[in-house]
Amino acid sequence: MAELSVNKSLFYETAKRFVDIVCSVIILIIFLPVIIAVALIIRVDSEGPIFADTPERVGKDGKPFKMYKFRSMVQNAHELLREDPEYAKLYDRYKKGSYKLKNDPRITQVGQFIRKHSLDEVPQLFNVVRGEMSLVGPRPPLTYEFEAYDHWQFDRLTVPPGITGLWQVSGRNLLTYRQMCELDLEYVHGWSLWLDVKILFKTVPVVLFNSGGAA
């Protein structure tokens, strides 16, 4: 991996971690009834586990981790996209675009709803408590996305990846993959607690009114 060039003070990193833990625990307690309800609905709606079998993600300093998400797709969705010949054209569009698909046929009925309101992302709070993610940060890349990084993208790995971030409140699925990366880098180089607070407040209407497209 290329040498990383962004550093932050120990005080800032400690303060950010403290805020992450406190806020995540509070949100998990408040959302506990929602978490239980979503889990039950997913179980009834389609075959498969409650949590998505997500591919490994790459976090701070290039360390891999398992990201928790509620399952919003059919079983083995990622394997289908990459290995099933019927999905070959979709996979090509997926790689060339923003690593997302519009009208993705793998998404379940319940999955469409929980994605629209970002409920599938709630389990990532456990990743935050574990120290693998932050409330705010760059988008955590999949392993094969990371392997295709150009040198200018590596600074995205100097901070913990986030549940939300600058790109999520600046257009989300309306952005190209490169625009998303550029916004991640803008966040990394302007990293501050005040910026985190602003992004968190901007995330609320994005989630409530689904502005910028589904996550």
N, C-alpha and C. Protein backbone atom coordinates (compact mmCIF):
# COMPACT_ATOMS: atom_id res chain seq x y z
N MET A 1 0.84 -1.19 0.00
CA MET A 1 0.00 0.00 0.00
C MET A 1 0.88 1.24 0.00
N ALA A 2 0.45 2.29 -0.68
CA ALA A 2 1.21 3.52 -0.75
C ALA A 2 1.31 4.18 0.63
N GLU A 3 2.34 4.98 0.82
CA GLU A 3 2.52 5.67 2.10
C GLU A 3 1.42 6.70 2.30
N LEU A 4 0.84 6.72 3.49
CA LEU A 4 -0.25 7.64 3.79
C LEU A 4 0.31 8.96 4.31
N SER A 5 -0.35 10.06 3.94
CA SER A 5 0.26 11.37 4.18
C SER A 5 -0.55 12.29 5.08
N VAL A 6 -1.61 11.80 5.71
CA VAL A 6 -2.45 12.65 6.55
C VAL A 6 -2.35 12.19 7.99
N ASN A 7 -2.07 13.11 8.90
CA ASN A 7 -1.98 12.77 10.32
C ASN A 7 -2.83 13.75 11.13
N LYS A 8 -3.40 13.28 12.21
CA LYS A 8 -4.17 14.13 13.11
C LYS A 8 -3.63 13.97 14.53
N SER A 9 -3.90 14.98 15.37
CA SER A 9 -3.38 14.95 16.73
C SER A 9 -4.04 13.85 17.54
N LEU A 10 -3.32 13.39 18.56
CA LEU A 10 -3.85 12.38 19.46
C LEU A 10 -5.09 12.89 20.17
N PHE A 11 -5.11 14.17 20.51
CA PHE A 11 -6.28 14.76 21.17
C PHE A 11 -7.51 14.65 20.29
N TYR A 12 -7.35 14.99 19.01
CA TYR A 12 -8.51 14.93 18.11
C TYR A 12 -8.99 13.51 17.92
N GLU A 13 -8.07 12.58 17.72
CA GLU A 13 -8.46 11.19 17.53
C GLU A 13 -9.17 10.64 18.76
N THR A 14 -8.67 11.03 19.96
CA THR A 14 -9.29 10.57 21.21
C THR A 14 -10.69 11.16 21.37
N ALA A 15 -10.82 12.45 21.07
CA ALA A 15 -12.12 13.12 21.19
C ALA A 15 -13.13 12.52 20.21
N LYS A 16 -12.68 12.26 19.00
CA LYS A 16 -13.57 11.67 17.99
C LYS A 16 -14.03 10.28 18.43
N ARG A 17 -13.09 9.50 18.98
CA ARG A 17 -13.43 8.15 19.44
C ARG A 17 -14.43 8.20 20.59
N PHE A 18 -14.25 9.13 21.51
CA PHE A 18 -15.16 9.28 22.64
C PHE A 18 -16.57 9.61 22.16
N VAL A 19 -16.67 10.56 21.24
CA VAL A 19 -17.97 10.95 20.69
C VAL A 19 -18.62 9.76 19.97
N ASP A 20 -17.82 9.02 19.21
CA ASP A 20 -18.33 7.85 18.49
C ASP A 20 -18.97 6.83 19.43
N ILE A 21 -18.25 6.51 20.51
CA ILE A 21 -18.75 5.49 21.43
C ILE A 21 -20.02 5.95 22.14
N VAL A 22 -19.98 7.15 22.70
CA VAL A 22 -21.13 7.66 23.45
C VAL A 22 -22.37 7.77 22.56
N CYS A 23 -22.22 8.37 21.39
CA CYS A 23 -23.37 8.56 20.50
C CYS A 23 -23.89 7.23 19.98
N SER A 24 -23.00 6.30 19.65
CA SER A 24 -23.42 5.00 19.13
C SER A 24 -24.23 4.23 20.15
N VAL A 25 -23.78 4.22 21.40
CA VAL A 25 -24.50 3.50 22.45
C VAL A 25 -25.88 4.13 22.66
N ILE A 26 -25.96 5.44 22.68
CA ILE A 26 -27.25 6.12 22.86
C ILE A 26 -28.20 5.80 21.71
N ILE A 27 -27.69 5.86 20.47
CA ILE A 27 -28.53 5.59 19.30
C ILE A 27 -29.00 4.14 19.30
N LEU A 28 -28.11 3.21 19.67
CA LEU A 28 -28.49 1.80 19.72
C LEU A 28 -29.61 1.57 20.73
N ILE A 29 -29.55 2.23 21.87
CA ILE A 29 -30.59 2.08 22.89
C ILE A 29 -31.92 2.64 22.37
N ILE A 30 -31.87 3.83 21.74
CA ILE A 30 -33.09 4.45 21.22
C ILE A 30 -33.70 3.62 20.09
N PHE A 31 -32.85 3.06 19.24
CA PHE A 31 -33.32 2.33 18.06
C PHE A 31 -33.55 0.85 18.31
N LEU A 32 -33.41 0.39 19.56
CA LEU A 32 -33.56 -1.03 19.84
C LEU A 32 -34.90 -1.60 19.35
N PRO A 33 -36.05 -0.93 19.59
CA PRO A 33 -37.31 -1.47 19.06
C PRO A 33 -37.32 -1.56 17.53
N VAL A 34 -36.73 -0.56 16.87
CA VAL A 34 -36.65 -0.56 15.40
C VAL A 34 -35.77 -1.70 14.92
N ILE A 35 -34.64 -1.91 15.59
CA ILE A 35 -33.73 -2.99 15.23
C ILE A 35 -34.43 -4.34 15.32
N ILE A 36 -35.18 -4.55 16.40
CA ILE A 36 -35.90 -5.82 16.58
C ILE A 36 -36.97 -5.99 15.50
N ALA A 37 -37.72 -4.91 15.22
CA ALA A 37 -38.79 -4.98 14.23
C ALA A 37 -38.23 -5.28 12.83
N VAL A 38 -37.16 -4.59 12.45
CA VAL A 38 -36.55 -4.81 11.13
C VAL A 38 -36.04 -6.24 11.01
N ALA A 39 -35.41 -6.74 12.06
CA ALA A 39 -34.89 -8.11 12.04
C ALA A 39 -36.01 -9.13 11.82
N LEU A 40 -37.14 -8.94 12.51
CA LEU A 40 -38.27 -9.86 12.37
C LEU A 40 -38.87 -9.80 10.97
N ILE A 41 -38.99 -8.60 10.42
CA ILE A 41 -39.58 -8.44 9.08
C ILE A 41 -38.69 -9.07 8.02
N ILE A 42 -37.39 -8.90 8.15
CA ILE A 42 -36.46 -9.52 7.18
C ILE A 42 -36.58 -11.04 7.23
N ARG A 43 -36.70 -11.57 8.43
CA ARG A 43 -36.81 -13.02 8.60
C ARG A 43 -38.08 -13.56 7.92
N VAL A 44 -39.17 -12.81 8.03
CA VAL A 44 -40.44 -13.25 7.45
C VAL A 44 -40.47 -13.04 5.94
N ASP A 45 -39.85 -11.97 5.45
CA ASP A 45 -39.96 -11.56 4.05
C ASP A 45 -39.29 -12.51 3.07
N SER A 46 -38.10 -13.00 3.38
CA SER A 46 -37.36 -13.82 2.40
C SER A 46 -36.40 -14.76 3.11
N GLU A 47 -36.01 -15.80 2.39
CA GLU A 47 -35.07 -16.76 2.95
C GLU A 47 -33.69 -16.13 3.11
N GLY A 48 -33.01 -16.55 4.17
CA GLY A 48 -31.67 -16.04 4.37
C GLY A 48 -31.48 -15.46 5.75
N PRO A 49 -30.25 -15.10 6.09
CA PRO A 49 -29.96 -14.55 7.41
C PRO A 49 -30.47 -13.13 7.58
N ILE A 50 -30.54 -12.68 8.81
CA ILE A 50 -30.99 -11.31 9.09
C ILE A 50 -29.92 -10.30 8.66
N PHE A 51 -28.67 -10.63 8.94
CA PHE A 51 -27.59 -9.74 8.56
C PHE A 51 -27.02 -10.15 7.21
N ALA A 52 -26.62 -9.17 6.43
CA ALA A 52 -26.10 -9.44 5.10
C ALA A 52 -24.74 -10.12 5.18
N ASP A 53 -24.51 -11.03 4.25
CA ASP A 53 -23.21 -11.68 4.15
C ASP A 53 -22.31 -10.77 3.31
N THR A 54 -21.93 -9.65 3.90
CA THR A 54 -21.20 -8.63 3.15
C THR A 54 -19.74 -9.02 2.94
N PRO A 55 -19.19 -8.69 1.77
CA PRO A 55 -17.77 -8.94 1.55
C PRO A 55 -16.92 -8.10 2.50
N GLU A 56 -15.70 -8.50 2.69
CA GLU A 56 -14.78 -7.78 3.57
C GLU A 56 -14.57 -6.35 3.08
N ARG A 57 -14.49 -5.43 4.01
CA ARG A 57 -14.21 -4.03 3.71
C ARG A 57 -12.80 -3.68 4.17
N VAL A 58 -12.28 -2.58 3.65
CA VAL A 58 -10.94 -2.13 4.02
C VAL A 58 -11.08 -0.85 4.84
N GLY A 59 -10.49 -0.85 6.05
CA GLY A 59 -10.63 0.28 6.95
C GLY A 59 -9.37 1.11 7.08
N LYS A 60 -9.25 1.79 8.21
CA LYS A 60 -8.11 2.68 8.47
C LYS A 60 -6.79 1.91 8.35
N ASP A 61 -5.83 2.55 7.69
CA ASP A 61 -4.49 1.97 7.48
C ASP A 61 -4.53 0.66 6.69
N GLY A 62 -5.61 0.46 5.93
CA GLY A 62 -5.70 -0.72 5.07
C GLY A 62 -6.08 -1.99 5.78
N LYS A 63 -6.58 -1.90 7.01
CA LYS A 63 -6.94 -3.10 7.77
C LYS A 63 -8.34 -3.59 7.36
N PRO A 64 -8.46 -4.87 7.02
CA PRO A 64 -9.76 -5.41 6.62
C PRO A 64 -10.68 -5.62 7.82
N PHE A 65 -11.98 -5.52 7.60
CA PHE A 65 -12.95 -5.79 8.67
C PHE A 65 -14.29 -6.20 8.05
N LYS A 66 -15.12 -6.81 8.88
CA LYS A 66 -16.46 -7.23 8.47
C LYS A 66 -17.45 -6.14 8.85
N MET A 67 -18.14 -5.59 7.87
CA MET A 67 -19.10 -4.52 8.13
C MET A 67 -20.50 -5.11 8.29
N TYR A 68 -21.18 -4.74 9.38
CA TYR A 68 -22.50 -5.26 9.66
C TYR A 68 -23.58 -4.44 8.95
N LYS A 69 -24.50 -5.14 8.30
CA LYS A 69 -25.65 -4.50 7.66
C LYS A 69 -26.83 -5.46 7.71
N PHE A 70 -28.03 -4.91 7.81
CA PHE A 70 -29.20 -5.75 7.66
C PHE A 70 -29.26 -6.22 6.21
N ARG A 71 -29.68 -7.46 6.01
CA ARG A 71 -29.77 -7.99 4.65
C ARG A 71 -30.92 -7.34 3.90
N SER A 72 -30.61 -6.73 2.77
CA SER A 72 -31.63 -6.10 1.93
C SER A 72 -31.70 -6.75 0.55
N MET A 73 -30.88 -7.79 0.34
CA MET A 73 -30.84 -8.48 -0.95
C MET A 73 -31.10 -9.97 -0.77
N VAL A 74 -31.23 -10.66 -1.88
CA VAL A 74 -31.35 -12.11 -1.84
C VAL A 74 -30.05 -12.72 -1.32
N GLN A 75 -30.10 -13.99 -0.93
CA GLN A 75 -28.90 -14.65 -0.45
C GLN A 75 -27.82 -14.67 -1.54
N ASN A 76 -26.57 -14.60 -1.07
CA ASN A 76 -25.41 -14.70 -1.98
C ASN A 76 -25.45 -13.64 -3.08
N ALA A 77 -25.95 -12.45 -2.75
CA ALA A 77 -26.13 -11.40 -3.76
C ALA A 77 -24.81 -10.98 -4.41
N HIS A 78 -23.76 -10.86 -3.61
CA HIS A 78 -22.47 -10.42 -4.16
C HIS A 78 -21.86 -11.49 -5.06
N GLU A 79 -22.02 -12.75 -4.67
CA GLU A 79 -21.50 -13.84 -5.50
C GLU A 79 -22.25 -13.91 -6.82
N LEU A 80 -23.57 -13.68 -6.78
CA LEU A 80 -24.37 -13.69 -8.00
C LEU A 80 -23.88 -12.61 -8.97
N LEU A 81 -23.62 -11.43 -8.45
CA LEU A 81 -23.21 -10.32 -9.30
C LEU A 81 -21.86 -10.58 -9.95
N ARG A 82 -20.95 -11.19 -9.22
CA ARG A 82 -19.59 -11.38 -9.71
C ARG A 82 -19.40 -12.68 -10.48
N GLU A 83 -20.23 -13.70 -10.20
CA GLU A 83 -19.97 -15.03 -10.76
C GLU A 83 -21.05 -15.58 -11.68
N ASP A 84 -22.30 -15.13 -11.54
CA ASP A 84 -23.38 -15.65 -12.37
C ASP A 84 -23.35 -14.98 -13.74
N PRO A 85 -23.27 -15.74 -14.83
CA PRO A 85 -23.22 -15.16 -16.18
C PRO A 85 -24.41 -14.25 -16.50
N GLU A 86 -25.56 -14.53 -15.88
CA GLU A 86 -26.74 -13.71 -16.13
C GLU A 86 -26.57 -12.27 -15.61
N TYR A 87 -25.65 -12.10 -14.67
CA TYR A 87 -25.43 -10.78 -14.08
C TYR A 87 -24.16 -10.11 -14.62
N ALA A 88 -23.55 -10.68 -15.65
CA ALA A 88 -22.27 -10.18 -16.14
C ALA A 88 -22.36 -8.71 -16.59
N LYS A 89 -23.43 -8.37 -17.31
CA LYS A 89 -23.59 -6.98 -17.78
C LYS A 89 -23.83 -6.04 -16.60
N LEU A 90 -24.59 -6.51 -15.62
CA LEU A 90 -24.83 -5.68 -14.43
C LEU A 90 -23.52 -5.43 -13.68
N TYR A 91 -22.70 -6.46 -13.58
CA TYR A 91 -21.42 -6.32 -12.87
C TYR A 91 -20.51 -5.33 -13.60
N ASP A 92 -20.55 -5.35 -14.92
CA ASP A 92 -19.74 -4.40 -15.69
C ASP A 92 -20.20 -2.97 -15.44
N ARG A 93 -21.53 -2.76 -15.39
CA ARG A 93 -22.06 -1.44 -15.07
C ARG A 93 -21.70 -1.03 -13.65
N TYR A 94 -21.74 -1.99 -12.75
CA TYR A 94 -21.43 -1.76 -11.34
C TYR A 94 -20.00 -1.24 -11.17
N LYS A 95 -19.06 -1.86 -11.86
CA LYS A 95 -17.65 -1.46 -11.73
C LYS A 95 -17.39 -0.11 -12.38
N LYS A 96 -18.02 0.15 -13.51
CA LYS A 96 -17.75 1.38 -14.25
C LYS A 96 -18.47 2.59 -13.67
N GLY A 97 -19.51 2.32 -12.90
CA GLY A 97 -20.27 3.42 -12.30
C GLY A 97 -19.77 3.78 -10.93
N SER A 98 -20.67 3.92 -9.99
CA SER A 98 -20.33 4.32 -8.63
C SER A 98 -20.35 3.14 -7.66
N TYR A 99 -20.14 1.93 -8.17
CA TYR A 99 -20.21 0.71 -7.37
C TYR A 99 -21.57 0.55 -6.73
N LYS A 100 -22.59 1.02 -7.45
CA LYS A 100 -23.97 0.80 -7.06
C LYS A 100 -24.79 0.62 -8.34
N LEU A 101 -25.96 0.01 -8.21
CA LEU A 101 -26.82 -0.22 -9.36
C LEU A 101 -28.20 0.37 -9.10
N LYS A 102 -28.76 1.00 -10.13
CA LYS A 102 -30.14 1.44 -10.05
C LYS A 102 -31.03 0.26 -10.46
N ASN A 103 -32.17 0.16 -9.80
CA ASN A 103 -33.11 -0.94 -10.10
C ASN A 103 -32.42 -2.30 -10.01
N ASP A 104 -31.70 -2.49 -8.93
CA ASP A 104 -30.96 -3.73 -8.72
C ASP A 104 -31.93 -4.88 -8.50
N PRO A 105 -31.92 -5.90 -9.37
CA PRO A 105 -32.89 -7.00 -9.24
C PRO A 105 -32.64 -7.90 -8.02
N ARG A 106 -31.51 -7.72 -7.36
CA ARG A 106 -31.20 -8.56 -6.20
C ARG A 106 -31.85 -8.07 -4.91
N ILE A 107 -32.38 -6.85 -4.93
CA ILE A 107 -32.95 -6.25 -3.72
C ILE A 107 -34.35 -6.81 -3.45
N THR A 108 -34.61 -7.19 -2.20
CA THR A 108 -35.91 -7.71 -1.81
C THR A 108 -36.90 -6.57 -1.60
N GLN A 109 -38.19 -6.91 -1.43
CA GLN A 109 -39.21 -5.88 -1.20
C GLN A 109 -38.94 -5.12 0.10
N VAL A 110 -38.66 -5.86 1.16
CA VAL A 110 -38.33 -5.21 2.43
C VAL A 110 -37.02 -4.45 2.29
N GLY A 111 -36.10 -5.01 1.51
CA GLY A 111 -34.82 -4.36 1.30
C GLY A 111 -34.95 -2.99 0.68
N GLN A 112 -35.91 -2.83 -0.24
CA GLN A 112 -36.12 -1.52 -0.85
C GLN A 112 -36.51 -0.49 0.19
N PHE A 113 -37.37 -0.90 1.12
CA PHE A 113 -37.84 0.03 2.15
C PHE A 113 -36.71 0.40 3.12
N ILE A 114 -35.99 -0.60 3.63
CA ILE A 114 -34.97 -0.30 4.63
C ILE A 114 -33.79 0.45 4.01
N ARG A 115 -33.52 0.25 2.73
CA ARG A 115 -32.48 1.02 2.05
C ARG A 115 -32.92 2.47 1.87
N LYS A 116 -34.17 2.65 1.49
CA LYS A 116 -34.69 4.00 1.27
C LYS A 116 -34.52 4.86 2.51
N HIS A 117 -34.70 4.25 3.69
CA HIS A 117 -34.62 4.99 4.95
C HIS A 117 -33.33 4.70 5.71
N SER A 118 -32.35 4.08 5.02
CA SER A 118 -31.02 3.79 5.58
C SER A 118 -31.06 2.92 6.83
N LEU A 119 -32.14 2.16 7.02
CA LEU A 119 -32.23 1.29 8.19
C LEU A 119 -31.26 0.11 8.09
N ASP A 120 -30.87 -0.24 6.86
CA ASP A 120 -29.91 -1.34 6.70
C ASP A 120 -28.54 -0.99 7.27
N GLU A 121 -28.29 0.32 7.46
CA GLU A 121 -26.99 0.77 7.96
C GLU A 121 -26.89 0.77 9.49
N VAL A 122 -28.02 0.66 10.18
CA VAL A 122 -28.02 0.77 11.64
C VAL A 122 -27.04 -0.19 12.33
N PRO A 123 -26.93 -1.46 11.90
CA PRO A 123 -25.99 -2.36 12.57
C PRO A 123 -24.53 -1.93 12.50
N GLN A 124 -24.21 -0.98 11.63
CA GLN A 124 -22.84 -0.49 11.57
C GLN A 124 -22.43 0.24 12.84
N LEU A 125 -23.42 0.59 13.66
CA LEU A 125 -23.11 1.18 14.96
C LEU A 125 -22.27 0.22 15.80
N PHE A 126 -22.48 -1.08 15.60
CA PHE A 126 -21.65 -2.07 16.31
C PHE A 126 -20.20 -2.00 15.82
N ASN A 127 -20.00 -1.73 14.53
CA ASN A 127 -18.65 -1.53 14.01
C ASN A 127 -17.99 -0.31 14.64
N VAL A 128 -18.81 0.73 14.88
CA VAL A 128 -18.28 1.95 15.51
C VAL A 128 -17.84 1.64 16.94
N VAL A 129 -18.67 0.94 17.69
CA VAL A 129 -18.33 0.58 19.07
C VAL A 129 -17.06 -0.26 19.10
N ARG A 130 -16.90 -1.14 18.12
CA ARG A 130 -15.72 -2.01 18.04
C ARG A 130 -14.46 -1.27 17.59
N GLY A 131 -14.62 -0.04 17.13
CA GLY A 131 -13.47 0.76 16.70
C GLY A 131 -13.08 0.56 15.25
N GLU A 132 -13.89 -0.16 14.48
CA GLU A 132 -13.58 -0.42 13.08
C GLU A 132 -14.08 0.70 12.17
N MET A 133 -15.08 1.45 12.67
CA MET A 133 -15.65 2.55 11.90
C MET A 133 -15.87 3.74 12.81
N SER A 134 -16.25 4.85 12.19
CA SER A 134 -16.62 6.06 12.91
C SER A 134 -18.02 6.46 12.46
N LEU A 135 -18.67 7.33 13.20
CA LEU A 135 -19.96 7.82 12.74
C LEU A 135 -19.81 8.58 11.43
N VAL A 136 -18.72 9.34 11.30
CA VAL A 136 -18.46 10.13 10.10
C VAL A 136 -17.10 9.77 9.54
N GLY A 137 -17.04 9.57 8.24
CA GLY A 137 -15.76 9.25 7.62
C GLY A 137 -15.94 8.88 6.16
N PRO A 138 -14.89 8.50 5.48
CA PRO A 138 -14.99 8.08 4.09
C PRO A 138 -15.76 6.77 3.96
N ARG A 139 -16.22 6.50 2.77
CA ARG A 139 -16.90 5.24 2.50
C ARG A 139 -15.89 4.10 2.57
N PRO A 140 -16.19 3.01 3.31
CA PRO A 140 -15.24 1.88 3.38
C PRO A 140 -15.25 1.07 2.08
N PRO A 141 -14.15 0.97 1.38
CA PRO A 141 -14.14 0.27 0.10
C PRO A 141 -14.17 -1.25 0.27
N LEU A 142 -14.75 -1.90 -0.72
CA LEU A 142 -14.65 -3.34 -0.81
C LEU A 142 -13.21 -3.71 -1.18
N THR A 143 -12.82 -4.95 -0.92
CA THR A 143 -11.44 -5.36 -1.18
C THR A 143 -11.05 -5.15 -2.63
N TYR A 144 -11.91 -5.53 -3.57
CA TYR A 144 -11.54 -5.39 -4.97
C TYR A 144 -11.57 -3.94 -5.43
N GLU A 145 -12.35 -3.08 -4.75
CA GLU A 145 -12.26 -1.65 -5.04
C GLU A 145 -10.90 -1.11 -4.58
N PHE A 146 -10.50 -1.52 -3.38
CA PHE A 146 -9.21 -1.09 -2.82
C PHE A 146 -8.06 -1.54 -3.71
N GLU A 147 -8.13 -2.75 -4.23
CA GLU A 147 -7.06 -3.27 -5.07
C GLU A 147 -6.93 -2.49 -6.38
N ALA A 148 -7.99 -1.77 -6.76
CA ALA A 148 -7.96 -0.98 -7.99
C ALA A 148 -7.66 0.50 -7.72
N TYR A 149 -7.32 0.85 -6.47
CA TYR A 149 -7.02 2.24 -6.12
C TYR A 149 -5.86 2.79 -6.94
N ASP A 150 -6.00 4.06 -7.35
CA ASP A 150 -4.87 4.82 -7.86
C ASP A 150 -4.19 5.50 -6.68
N HIS A 151 -2.97 6.02 -6.89
CA HIS A 151 -2.19 6.57 -5.77
C HIS A 151 -2.91 7.71 -5.05
N TRP A 152 -3.70 8.50 -5.78
CA TRP A 152 -4.34 9.67 -5.17
C TRP A 152 -5.46 9.30 -4.20
N GLN A 153 -5.90 8.04 -4.22
CA GLN A 153 -7.02 7.62 -3.38
C GLN A 153 -6.60 7.12 -1.99
N PHE A 154 -5.32 6.84 -1.80
CA PHE A 154 -4.91 6.16 -0.57
C PHE A 154 -5.11 6.97 0.71
N ASP A 155 -5.14 8.30 0.61
CA ASP A 155 -5.37 9.10 1.82
C ASP A 155 -6.74 8.86 2.42
N ARG A 156 -7.65 8.24 1.68
CA ARG A 156 -8.96 7.90 2.23
C ARG A 156 -8.83 6.92 3.40
N LEU A 157 -7.69 6.23 3.48
CA LEU A 157 -7.49 5.21 4.51
C LEU A 157 -6.74 5.73 5.73
N THR A 158 -6.55 7.05 5.81
CA THR A 158 -5.83 7.61 6.95
C THR A 158 -6.75 7.88 8.14
N VAL A 159 -8.06 7.77 7.93
CA VAL A 159 -9.03 7.96 9.01
C VAL A 159 -10.00 6.77 8.98
N PRO A 160 -10.70 6.51 10.08
CA PRO A 160 -11.66 5.41 10.08
C PRO A 160 -12.78 5.67 9.08
N PRO A 161 -13.25 4.65 8.39
CA PRO A 161 -14.40 4.83 7.50
C PRO A 161 -15.65 5.15 8.31
N GLY A 162 -16.63 5.79 7.67
CA GLY A 162 -17.79 6.25 8.41
C GLY A 162 -19.11 5.66 7.93
N ILE A 163 -20.09 5.68 8.82
CA ILE A 163 -21.46 5.31 8.45
C ILE A 163 -22.02 6.36 7.51
N THR A 164 -21.74 7.62 7.82
CA THR A 164 -22.09 8.72 6.93
C THR A 164 -20.83 9.52 6.64
N GLY A 165 -20.94 10.43 5.69
CA GLY A 165 -19.75 11.20 5.32
C GLY A 165 -20.14 12.35 4.41
N LEU A 166 -19.13 13.05 3.93
CA LEU A 166 -19.38 14.24 3.10
C LEU A 166 -20.07 13.87 1.80
N TRP A 167 -19.72 12.73 1.22
CA TRP A 167 -20.36 12.37 -0.05
C TRP A 167 -21.82 11.99 0.13
N GLN A 168 -22.15 11.39 1.29
CA GLN A 168 -23.54 11.00 1.52
C GLN A 168 -24.47 12.20 1.61
N VAL A 169 -23.96 13.34 2.12
CA VAL A 169 -24.81 14.53 2.25
C VAL A 169 -24.61 15.49 1.08
N SER A 170 -23.93 15.02 0.04
CA SER A 170 -23.65 15.87 -1.12
C SER A 170 -24.15 15.26 -2.42
N GLY A 171 -25.07 14.32 -2.32
CA GLY A 171 -25.62 13.75 -3.54
C GLY A 171 -25.81 12.26 -3.52
N ARG A 172 -25.04 11.54 -2.69
CA ARG A 172 -25.13 10.09 -2.56
C ARG A 172 -25.11 9.42 -3.92
N ASN A 173 -26.15 8.71 -4.31
CA ASN A 173 -26.14 7.93 -5.55
C ASN A 173 -26.16 8.77 -6.81
N LEU A 174 -26.35 10.07 -6.67
CA LEU A 174 -26.33 10.95 -7.84
C LEU A 174 -24.91 11.26 -8.27
N LEU A 175 -23.93 10.90 -7.44
CA LEU A 175 -22.53 11.17 -7.73
C LEU A 175 -21.88 10.03 -8.49
N THR A 176 -20.86 10.36 -9.27
CA THR A 176 -20.04 9.32 -9.87
C THR A 176 -19.09 8.77 -8.82
N TYR A 177 -18.46 7.64 -9.12
CA TYR A 177 -17.51 7.05 -8.19
C TYR A 177 -16.34 8.00 -7.93
N ARG A 178 -15.84 8.66 -8.96
CA ARG A 178 -14.73 9.59 -8.77
C ARG A 178 -15.13 10.78 -7.90
N GLN A 179 -16.33 11.32 -8.12
CA GLN A 179 -16.80 12.44 -7.30
C GLN A 179 -16.89 12.02 -5.84
N MET A 180 -17.36 10.80 -5.59
CA MET A 180 -17.45 10.28 -4.23
C MET A 180 -16.06 10.23 -3.59
N CYS A 181 -15.08 9.72 -4.35
CA CYS A 181 -13.72 9.64 -3.83
C CYS A 181 -13.16 11.02 -3.53
N GLU A 182 -13.42 11.97 -4.41
CA GLU A 182 -12.91 13.34 -4.22
C GLU A 182 -13.52 13.98 -2.97
N LEU A 183 -14.80 13.73 -2.72
CA LEU A 183 -15.44 14.27 -1.51
C LEU A 183 -14.89 13.59 -0.26
N ASP A 184 -14.60 12.30 -0.34
CA ASP A 184 -13.95 11.62 0.78
C ASP A 184 -12.61 12.27 1.10
N LEU A 185 -11.84 12.58 0.07
CA LEU A 185 -10.53 13.21 0.28
C LEU A 185 -10.68 14.63 0.81
N GLU A 186 -11.70 15.33 0.36
CA GLU A 186 -11.96 16.68 0.89
C GLU A 186 -12.25 16.60 2.39
N TYR A 187 -13.00 15.58 2.79
CA TYR A 187 -13.27 15.38 4.21
C TYR A 187 -11.99 15.06 4.97
N VAL A 188 -11.20 14.14 4.44
CA VAL A 188 -9.97 13.71 5.12
C VAL A 188 -9.03 14.89 5.35
N HIS A 189 -8.86 15.73 4.36
CA HIS A 189 -7.91 16.84 4.48
C HIS A 189 -8.47 18.01 5.28
N GLY A 190 -9.80 18.02 5.51
CA GLY A 190 -10.39 19.08 6.33
C GLY A 190 -10.97 18.54 7.62
N TRP A 191 -10.52 17.36 8.01
CA TRP A 191 -11.02 16.60 9.15
C TRP A 191 -11.04 17.42 10.43
N SER A 192 -12.22 17.56 11.07
CA SER A 192 -12.34 18.26 12.35
C SER A 192 -13.64 17.83 13.02
N LEU A 193 -13.72 18.04 14.33
CA LEU A 193 -14.94 17.69 15.05
C LEU A 193 -16.11 18.54 14.58
N TRP A 194 -15.85 19.80 14.27
CA TRP A 194 -16.91 20.68 13.80
C TRP A 194 -17.47 20.19 12.47
N LEU A 195 -16.58 19.74 11.58
CA LEU A 195 -17.03 19.19 10.30
C LEU A 195 -17.87 17.94 10.53
N ASP A 196 -17.46 17.10 11.48
CA ASP A 196 -18.25 15.90 11.80
C ASP A 196 -19.66 16.27 12.25
N VAL A 197 -19.75 17.28 13.11
CA VAL A 197 -21.05 17.72 13.63
C VAL A 197 -21.93 18.21 12.48
N LYS A 198 -21.36 19.00 11.58
CA LYS A 198 -22.14 19.52 10.45
C LYS A 198 -22.65 18.39 9.56
N ILE A 199 -21.80 17.40 9.31
CA ILE A 199 -22.20 16.28 8.46
C ILE A 199 -23.30 15.46 9.13
N LEU A 200 -23.17 15.24 10.45
CA LEU A 200 -24.20 14.49 11.17
C LEU A 200 -25.56 15.19 11.10
N PHE A 201 -25.57 16.50 11.26
CA PHE A 201 -26.83 17.24 11.18
C PHE A 201 -27.40 17.20 9.77
N LYS A 202 -26.54 17.26 8.76
CA LYS A 202 -27.02 17.20 7.37
C LYS A 202 -27.51 15.80 7.00
N THR A 203 -27.03 14.79 7.73
CA THR A 203 -27.44 13.42 7.44
C THR A 203 -28.89 13.17 7.80
N VAL A 204 -29.39 13.85 8.82
CA VAL A 204 -30.77 13.62 9.30
C VAL A 204 -31.80 13.82 8.18
N PRO A 205 -31.84 14.98 7.48
CA PRO A 205 -32.83 15.12 6.41
C PRO A 205 -32.58 14.18 5.23
N VAL A 206 -31.32 13.83 4.99
CA VAL A 206 -31.01 12.88 3.91
C VAL A 206 -31.67 11.54 4.19
N VAL A 207 -31.61 11.10 5.45
CA VAL A 207 -32.20 9.82 5.83
C VAL A 207 -33.72 9.91 5.87
N LEU A 208 -34.25 10.99 6.47
CA LEU A 208 -35.69 11.11 6.64
C LEU A 208 -36.43 11.29 5.31
N PHE A 209 -35.82 12.08 4.40
CA PHE A 209 -36.50 12.40 3.15
C PHE A 209 -35.86 11.75 1.94
N ASN A 210 -34.86 10.88 2.19
CA ASN A 210 -34.25 10.11 1.11
C ASN A 210 -33.68 11.00 0.02
N SER A 211 -33.15 12.17 0.37
CA SER A 211 -32.60 13.06 -0.64
C SER A 211 -31.28 12.53 -1.14
N GLY A 212 -31.10 12.54 -2.43
CA GLY A 212 -29.86 12.07 -3.03
C GLY A 212 -29.88 10.61 -3.40
N GLY A 213 -30.99 9.93 -3.19
CA GLY A 213 -31.08 8.54 -3.60
C GLY A 213 -30.91 7.59 -2.45
N ALA A 214 -31.26 6.36 -2.67
CA ALA A 214 -31.17 5.34 -1.64
C ALA A 214 -29.75 4.93 -1.41
N ALA A 215 -29.45 4.56 -0.16
CA ALA A 215 -28.08 4.18 0.17
C ALA A 215 -27.76 2.82 -0.41
